[in-house]
All heavy atoms as atom14 arrays in JSON, in Angstrom:
{
  "sequence": "NFAEIREFVSGPSVPPGRTLSIEELRLDERAI",
  "atom14_mask": [
    [1, 1, 1, 1, 1, 1, 1, 1, 0, 0, 0, 0, 0, 0],
    [1, 1, 1, 1, 1, 1, 1, 1, 1, 1, 1, 0, 0, 0],
    [1, 1, 1, 1, 1, 0, 0, 0, 0, 0, 0, 0, 0, 0],
    [1, 1, 1, 1, 1, 1, 1, 1, 1, 0, 0, 0, 0, 0],
    [1, 1, 1, 1, 1, 1, 1, 1, 0, 0, 0, 0, 0, 0],
    [1, 1, 1, 1, 1, 1, 1, 1, 1, 1, 1, 0, 0, 0],
    [1, 1, 1, 1, 1, 1, 1, 1, 1, 0, 0, 0, 0, 0],
    [1, 1, 1, 1, 1, 1, 1, 1, 1, 1, 1, 0, 0, 0],
    [1, 1, 1, 1, 1, 1, 1, 0, 0, 0, 0, 0, 0, 0],
    [1, 1, 1, 1, 1, 1, 0, 0, 0, 0, 0, 0, 0, 0],
    [1, 1, 1, 1, 0, 0, 0, 0, 0, 0, 0, 0, 0, 0],
    [1, 1, 1, 1, 1, 1, 1, 0, 0, 0, 0, 0, 0, 0],
    [1, 1, 1, 1, 1, 1, 0, 0, 0, 0, 0, 0, 0, 0],
    [1, 1, 1, 1, 1, 1, 1, 0, 0, 0, 0, 0, 0, 0],
    [1, 1, 1, 1, 1, 1, 1, 0, 0, 0, 0, 0, 0, 0],
    [1, 1, 1, 1, 1, 1, 1, 0, 0, 0, 0, 0, 0, 0],
    [1, 1, 1, 1, 0, 0, 0, 0, 0, 0, 0, 0, 0, 0],
    [1, 1, 1, 1, 1, 1, 1, 1, 1, 1, 1, 0, 0, 0],
    [1, 1, 1, 1, 1, 1, 1, 0, 0, 0, 0, 0, 0, 0],
    [1, 1, 1, 1, 1, 1, 1, 1, 0, 0, 0, 0, 0, 0],
    [1, 1, 1, 1, 1, 1, 0, 0, 0, 0, 0, 0, 0, 0],
    [1, 1, 1, 1, 1, 1, 1, 1, 0, 0, 0, 0, 0, 0],
    [1, 1, 1, 1, 1, 1, 1, 1, 1, 0, 0, 0, 0, 0],
    [1, 1, 1, 1, 1, 1, 1, 1, 1, 0, 0, 0, 0, 0],
    [1, 1, 1, 1, 1, 1, 1, 1, 0, 0, 0, 0, 0, 0],
    [1, 1, 1, 1, 1, 1, 1, 1, 1, 1, 1, 0, 0, 0],
    [1, 1, 1, 1, 1, 1, 1, 1, 0, 0, 0, 0, 0, 0],
    [1, 1, 1, 1, 1, 1, 1, 1, 0, 0, 0, 0, 0, 0],
    [1, 1, 1, 1, 1, 1, 1, 1, 1, 0, 0, 0, 0, 0],
    [1, 1, 1, 1, 1, 1, 1, 1, 1, 1, 1, 0, 0, 0],
    [1, 1, 1, 1, 1, 0, 0, 0, 0, 0, 0, 0, 0, 0],
    [1, 1, 1, 1, 1, 1, 1, 1, 0, 0, 0, 0, 0, 0]
  ],
  "atom14_positions": [
    [[-170.27, 180.3, 34.93], [-171.7, 180.36, 34.67], [-172.29, 181.75, 34.95], [-173.47, 181.89, 35.25], [-172.44, 179.32, 35.51], [-172.21, 179.46, 37.0], [-171.18, 180.0, 37.43], [-173.13, 178.99, 37.8], [0.0, 0.0, 0.0], [0.0, 0.0, 0.0], [0.0, 0.0, 0.0], [0.0, 0.0, 0.0], [0.0, 0.0, 0.0], [0.0, 0.0, 0.0]],
    [[-171.45, 182.8, 34.86], [-171.95, 184.15, 35.11], [-173.06, 184.54, 34.15], [-173.93, 185.35, 34.49], [-170.8, 185.16, 35.02], [-171.22, 186.58, 35.26], [-171.76, 186.97, 36.47], [-171.08, 187.54, 34.26], [-172.16, 188.29, 36.69], [-171.47, 188.85, 34.47], [-172.01, 189.22, 35.69], [0.0, 0.0, 0.0], [0.0, 0.0, 0.0], [0.0, 0.0, 0.0]],
    [[-173.07, 183.94, 32.94], [-174.12, 184.26, 31.97], [-175.51, 183.97, 32.51], [-176.49, 184.6, 32.08], [-173.89, 183.47, 30.68], [0.0, 0.0, 0.0], [0.0, 0.0, 0.0], [0.0, 0.0, 0.0], [0.0, 0.0, 0.0], [0.0, 0.0, 0.0], [0.0, 0.0, 0.0], [0.0, 0.0, 0.0], [0.0, 0.0, 0.0], [0.0, 0.0, 0.0]],
    [[-175.62, 183.05, 33.48], [-176.93, 182.71, 34.06], [-177.57, 183.9, 34.76], [-178.8, 184.01, 34.8], [-176.77, 181.57, 35.07], [-176.31, 180.26, 34.48], [-176.06, 179.21, 35.55], [-176.22, 179.53, 36.76], [-175.69, 178.07, 35.19], [0.0, 0.0, 0.0], [0.0, 0.0, 0.0], [0.0, 0.0, 0.0], [0.0, 0.0, 0.0], [0.0, 0.0, 0.0]],
    [[-176.74, 184.78, 35.32], [-177.3, 185.89, 36.11], [-176.98, 187.26, 35.53], [-177.39, 188.28, 36.09], [-176.81, 185.83, 37.57], [-175.28, 186.01, 37.62], [-177.23, 184.54, 38.24], [-174.75, 186.19, 39.03], [0.0, 0.0, 0.0], [0.0, 0.0, 0.0], [0.0, 0.0, 0.0], [0.0, 0.0, 0.0], [0.0, 0.0, 0.0], [0.0, 0.0, 0.0]],
    [[-176.25, 187.29, 34.4], [-175.78, 188.57, 33.86], [-176.93, 189.55, 33.63], [-176.85, 190.73, 33.96], [-175.0, 188.36, 32.57], [-174.42, 189.65, 31.99], [-173.69, 189.41, 30.69], [-172.45, 188.68, 30.91], [-172.21, 187.46, 30.46], [-173.13, 186.82, 29.76], [-171.07, 186.87, 30.69], [0.0, 0.0, 0.0], [0.0, 0.0, 0.0], [0.0, 0.0, 0.0]],
    [[-178.02, 189.09, 33.04], [-179.12, 190.0, 32.72], [-179.79, 190.56, 33.98], [-180.39, 191.62, 33.95], [-180.16, 189.31, 31.86], [-180.86, 188.13, 32.53], [-181.9, 187.52, 31.61], [-182.85, 188.23, 31.23], [-181.73, 186.33, 31.24], [0.0, 0.0, 0.0], [0.0, 0.0, 0.0], [0.0, 0.0, 0.0], [0.0, 0.0, 0.0], [0.0, 0.0, 0.0]],
    [[-179.68, 189.85, 35.11], [-180.3, 190.31, 36.35], [-179.44, 191.34, 37.09], [-179.96, 192.11, 37.89], [-180.58, 189.13, 37.27], [-181.43, 188.06, 36.65], [-180.9, 186.82, 36.34], [-182.77, 188.3, 36.36], [-181.67, 185.83, 35.75], [-183.55, 187.32, 35.77], [-183.01, 186.09, 35.47], [0.0, 0.0, 0.0], [0.0, 0.0, 0.0], [0.0, 0.0, 0.0]],
    [[-178.14, 191.33, 36.82], [-177.25, 192.22, 37.57], [-176.53, 193.21, 36.66], [-175.67, 193.96, 37.11], [-176.19, 191.41, 38.36], [-176.86, 190.44, 39.3], [-175.25, 190.66, 37.41], [0.0, 0.0, 0.0], [0.0, 0.0, 0.0], [0.0, 0.0, 0.0], [0.0, 0.0, 0.0], [0.0, 0.0, 0.0], [0.0, 0.0, 0.0], [0.0, 0.0, 0.0]],
    [[-176.87, 193.22, 35.35], [-176.14, 194.04, 34.39], [-176.31, 195.52, 34.67], [-177.29, 195.96, 35.25], [-176.6, 193.74, 32.96], [-177.97, 194.02, 32.83], [0.0, 0.0, 0.0], [0.0, 0.0, 0.0], [0.0, 0.0, 0.0], [0.0, 0.0, 0.0], [0.0, 0.0, 0.0], [0.0, 0.0, 0.0], [0.0, 0.0, 0.0], [0.0, 0.0, 0.0]],
    [[-175.33, 196.3, 34.23], [-175.35, 197.73, 34.45], [-174.32, 198.13, 35.48], [-174.03, 197.36, 36.41], [0.0, 0.0, 0.0], [0.0, 0.0, 0.0], [0.0, 0.0, 0.0], [0.0, 0.0, 0.0], [0.0, 0.0, 0.0], [0.0, 0.0, 0.0], [0.0, 0.0, 0.0], [0.0, 0.0, 0.0], [0.0, 0.0, 0.0], [0.0, 0.0, 0.0]],
    [[-173.73, 199.31, 35.35], [-172.73, 199.77, 36.32], [-173.3, 199.87, 37.72], [-174.44, 200.27, 37.92], [-172.32, 201.15, 35.78], [-172.74, 201.14, 34.35], [-173.96, 200.27, 34.28], [0.0, 0.0, 0.0], [0.0, 0.0, 0.0], [0.0, 0.0, 0.0], [0.0, 0.0, 0.0], [0.0, 0.0, 0.0], [0.0, 0.0, 0.0], [0.0, 0.0, 0.0]],
    [[-172.5, 199.45, 38.69], [-172.91, 199.55, 40.1], [-172.27, 200.78, 40.69], [-171.1, 200.77, 41.05], [-172.46, 198.3, 40.86], [-173.04, 197.16, 40.31], [0.0, 0.0, 0.0], [0.0, 0.0, 0.0], [0.0, 0.0, 0.0], [0.0, 0.0, 0.0], [0.0, 0.0, 0.0], [0.0, 0.0, 0.0], [0.0, 0.0, 0.0], [0.0, 0.0, 0.0]],
    [[-173.02, 201.86, 40.76], [-172.45, 203.12, 41.21], [-173.25, 203.65, 42.4], [-174.4, 204.05, 42.26], [-172.48, 204.18, 40.08], [-171.68, 205.4, 40.49], [-171.94, 203.59, 38.8], [0.0, 0.0, 0.0], [0.0, 0.0, 0.0], [0.0, 0.0, 0.0], [0.0, 0.0, 0.0], [0.0, 0.0, 0.0], [0.0, 0.0, 0.0], [0.0, 0.0, 0.0]],
    [[-172.67, 203.65, 43.6], [-173.35, 204.24, 44.75], [-173.58, 205.73, 44.52], [-172.87, 206.36, 43.75], [-172.36, 204.01, 45.91], [-171.47, 202.91, 45.44], [-171.37, 203.07, 43.96], [0.0, 0.0, 0.0], [0.0, 0.0, 0.0], [0.0, 0.0, 0.0], [0.0, 0.0, 0.0], [0.0, 0.0, 0.0], [0.0, 0.0, 0.0], [0.0, 0.0, 0.0]],
    [[-174.6, 206.31, 45.19], [-174.87, 207.74, 45.02], [-173.65, 208.6, 45.29], [-172.91, 208.37, 46.24], [-175.98, 208.0, 46.06], [-176.61, 206.67, 46.27], [-175.52, 205.66, 46.12], [0.0, 0.0, 0.0], [0.0, 0.0, 0.0], [0.0, 0.0, 0.0], [0.0, 0.0, 0.0], [0.0, 0.0, 0.0], [0.0, 0.0, 0.0], [0.0, 0.0, 0.0]],
    [[-173.41, 209.59, 44.42], [-172.32, 210.53, 44.63], [-170.97, 210.01, 44.19], [-169.95, 210.63, 44.44], [0.0, 0.0, 0.0], [0.0, 0.0, 0.0], [0.0, 0.0, 0.0], [0.0, 0.0, 0.0], [0.0, 0.0, 0.0], [0.0, 0.0, 0.0], [0.0, 0.0, 0.0], [0.0, 0.0, 0.0], [0.0, 0.0, 0.0], [0.0, 0.0, 0.0]],
    [[-170.94, 208.86, 43.5], [-169.66, 208.3, 43.08], [-169.68, 208.05, 41.58], [-170.69, 207.67, 41.02], [-169.39, 206.98, 43.8], [-168.07, 206.34, 43.41], [-167.9, 205.0, 44.11], [-166.72, 204.33, 43.62], [-166.68, 203.64, 42.48], [-167.76, 203.53, 41.74], [-165.56, 203.05, 42.1], [0.0, 0.0, 0.0], [0.0, 0.0, 0.0], [0.0, 0.0, 0.0]],
    [[-168.54, 208.27, 40.92], [-168.42, 208.01, 39.49], [-167.52, 206.8, 39.26], [-166.64, 206.5, 40.07], [-167.82, 209.23, 38.75], [-166.54, 209.52, 39.33], [-168.73, 210.43, 38.87], [0.0, 0.0, 0.0], [0.0, 0.0, 0.0], [0.0, 0.0, 0.0], [0.0, 0.0, 0.0], [0.0, 0.0, 0.0], [0.0, 0.0, 0.0], [0.0, 0.0, 0.0]],
    [[-167.77, 206.12, 38.14], [-166.97, 204.95, 37.82], [-165.58, 205.34, 37.32], [-165.43, 206.32, 36.62], [-167.67, 204.13, 36.74], [-168.89, 203.32, 37.18], [-169.57, 202.72, 35.95], [-168.52, 202.24, 38.14], [0.0, 0.0, 0.0], [0.0, 0.0, 0.0], [0.0, 0.0, 0.0], [0.0, 0.0, 0.0], [0.0, 0.0, 0.0], [0.0, 0.0, 0.0]],
    [[-164.58, 204.54, 37.69], [-163.24, 204.73, 37.16], [-163.18, 204.16, 35.74], [-164.06, 203.42, 35.31], [-162.21, 204.01, 38.03], [-162.39, 202.62, 37.94], [0.0, 0.0, 0.0], [0.0, 0.0, 0.0], [0.0, 0.0, 0.0], [0.0, 0.0, 0.0], [0.0, 0.0, 0.0], [0.0, 0.0, 0.0], [0.0, 0.0, 0.0], [0.0, 0.0, 0.0]],
    [[-162.12, 204.49, 35.01], [-161.95, 203.98, 33.66], [-161.9, 202.45, 33.67], [-162.52, 201.78, 32.84], [-160.66, 204.54, 33.02], [-160.78, 206.07, 32.85], [-160.4, 203.88, 31.68], [-161.91, 206.51, 31.94], [0.0, 0.0, 0.0], [0.0, 0.0, 0.0], [0.0, 0.0, 0.0], [0.0, 0.0, 0.0], [0.0, 0.0, 0.0], [0.0, 0.0, 0.0]],
    [[-161.19, 201.88, 34.64], [-161.08, 200.43, 34.71], [-162.45, 199.79, 34.94], [-162.77, 198.77, 34.34], [-160.13, 200.03, 35.85], [-158.66, 200.36, 35.61], [-158.36, 201.84, 35.83], [-159.21, 202.54, 36.43], [-157.31, 202.29, 35.39], [0.0, 0.0, 0.0], [0.0, 0.0, 0.0], [0.0, 0.0, 0.0], [0.0, 0.0, 0.0], [0.0, 0.0, 0.0]],
    [[-163.26, 200.39, 35.8], [-164.59, 199.84, 36.09], [-165.52, 199.97, 34.88], [-166.32, 199.08, 34.59], [-165.19, 200.53, 37.31], [-164.49, 200.16, 38.59], [-164.8, 201.12, 39.73], [-165.24, 202.25, 39.46], [-164.57, 200.74, 40.86], [0.0, 0.0, 0.0], [0.0, 0.0, 0.0], [0.0, 0.0, 0.0], [0.0, 0.0, 0.0], [0.0, 0.0, 0.0]],
    [[-165.42, 201.11, 34.17], [-166.23, 201.28, 32.97], [-165.88, 200.22, 31.94], [-166.76, 199.64, 31.29], [-165.99, 202.68, 32.38], [-166.72, 203.84, 33.08], [-166.21, 205.17, 32.54], [-168.22, 203.73, 32.9], [0.0, 0.0, 0.0], [0.0, 0.0, 0.0], [0.0, 0.0, 0.0], [0.0, 0.0, 0.0], [0.0, 0.0, 0.0], [0.0, 0.0, 0.0]],
    [[-164.59, 199.95, 31.79], [-164.18, 198.93, 30.83], [-164.68, 197.56, 31.26], [-165.08, 196.74, 30.43], [-162.65, 198.92, 30.71], [-162.11, 200.13, 29.97], [-160.6, 200.18, 30.03], [-160.08, 201.32, 29.3], [-158.83, 201.78, 29.4], [-157.98, 201.17, 30.21], [-158.44, 202.82, 28.7], [0.0, 0.0, 0.0], [0.0, 0.0, 0.0], [0.0, 0.0, 0.0]],
    [[-164.67, 197.3, 32.57], [-165.16, 196.03, 33.07], [-166.63, 195.87, 32.75], [-167.08, 194.82, 32.28], [-164.93, 195.96, 34.59], [-165.26, 194.63, 35.27], [-164.35, 193.54, 34.76], [-165.13, 194.77, 36.77], [0.0, 0.0, 0.0], [0.0, 0.0, 0.0], [0.0, 0.0, 0.0], [0.0, 0.0, 0.0], [0.0, 0.0, 0.0], [0.0, 0.0, 0.0]],
    [[-167.43, 196.93, 32.95], [-168.86, 196.87, 32.65], [-169.09, 196.74, 31.15], [-170.0, 196.03, 30.71], [-169.56, 198.13, 33.18], [-169.72, 198.1, 34.68], [-170.11, 197.04, 35.19], [-169.45, 199.12, 35.32], [0.0, 0.0, 0.0], [0.0, 0.0, 0.0], [0.0, 0.0, 0.0], [0.0, 0.0, 0.0], [0.0, 0.0, 0.0], [0.0, 0.0, 0.0]],
    [[-168.28, 197.44, 30.34], [-168.43, 197.34, 28.9], [-168.18, 195.91, 28.43], [-168.9, 195.39, 27.57], [-167.45, 198.3, 28.2], [-167.85, 199.77, 28.32], [-166.76, 200.68, 27.78], [-165.72, 200.16, 27.34], [-166.96, 201.91, 27.81], [0.0, 0.0, 0.0], [0.0, 0.0, 0.0], [0.0, 0.0, 0.0], [0.0, 0.0, 0.0], [0.0, 0.0, 0.0]],
    [[-167.17, 195.27, 29.0], [-166.89, 193.88, 28.62], [-168.05, 192.96, 28.99], [-168.42, 192.07, 28.22], [-165.6, 193.41, 29.3], [-164.33, 194.04, 28.76], [-163.11, 193.24, 29.19], [-162.96, 193.18, 30.63], [-162.28, 194.08, 31.33], [-161.72, 195.11, 30.73], [-162.18, 193.97, 32.63], [0.0, 0.0, 0.0], [0.0, 0.0, 0.0], [0.0, 0.0, 0.0]],
    [[-168.61, 193.18, 30.17], [-169.72, 192.34, 30.61], [-170.93, 192.52, 29.7], [-171.59, 191.55, 29.31], [-170.1, 192.68, 32.06], [0.0, 0.0, 0.0], [0.0, 0.0, 0.0], [0.0, 0.0, 0.0], [0.0, 0.0, 0.0], [0.0, 0.0, 0.0], [0.0, 0.0, 0.0], [0.0, 0.0, 0.0], [0.0, 0.0, 0.0], [0.0, 0.0, 0.0]],
    [[-171.24, 193.78, 29.36], [-172.4, 194.05, 28.5], [-172.16, 193.5, 27.1], [-173.05, 192.91, 26.48], [-172.68, 195.57, 28.46], [-173.13, 196.04, 29.86], [-173.75, 195.89, 27.43], [-173.21, 197.54, 29.98], [0.0, 0.0, 0.0], [0.0, 0.0, 0.0], [0.0, 0.0, 0.0], [0.0, 0.0, 0.0], [0.0, 0.0, 0.0], [0.0, 0.0, 0.0]]
  ]
}
């Protein structure tokens, strides 16, 4: 039931000063 909250939490979660890895970018792309 992740679709219930997807729009509220969508977008890459990147703490300040950190960049996303390729695997994480792909994970976010799949979610979006």
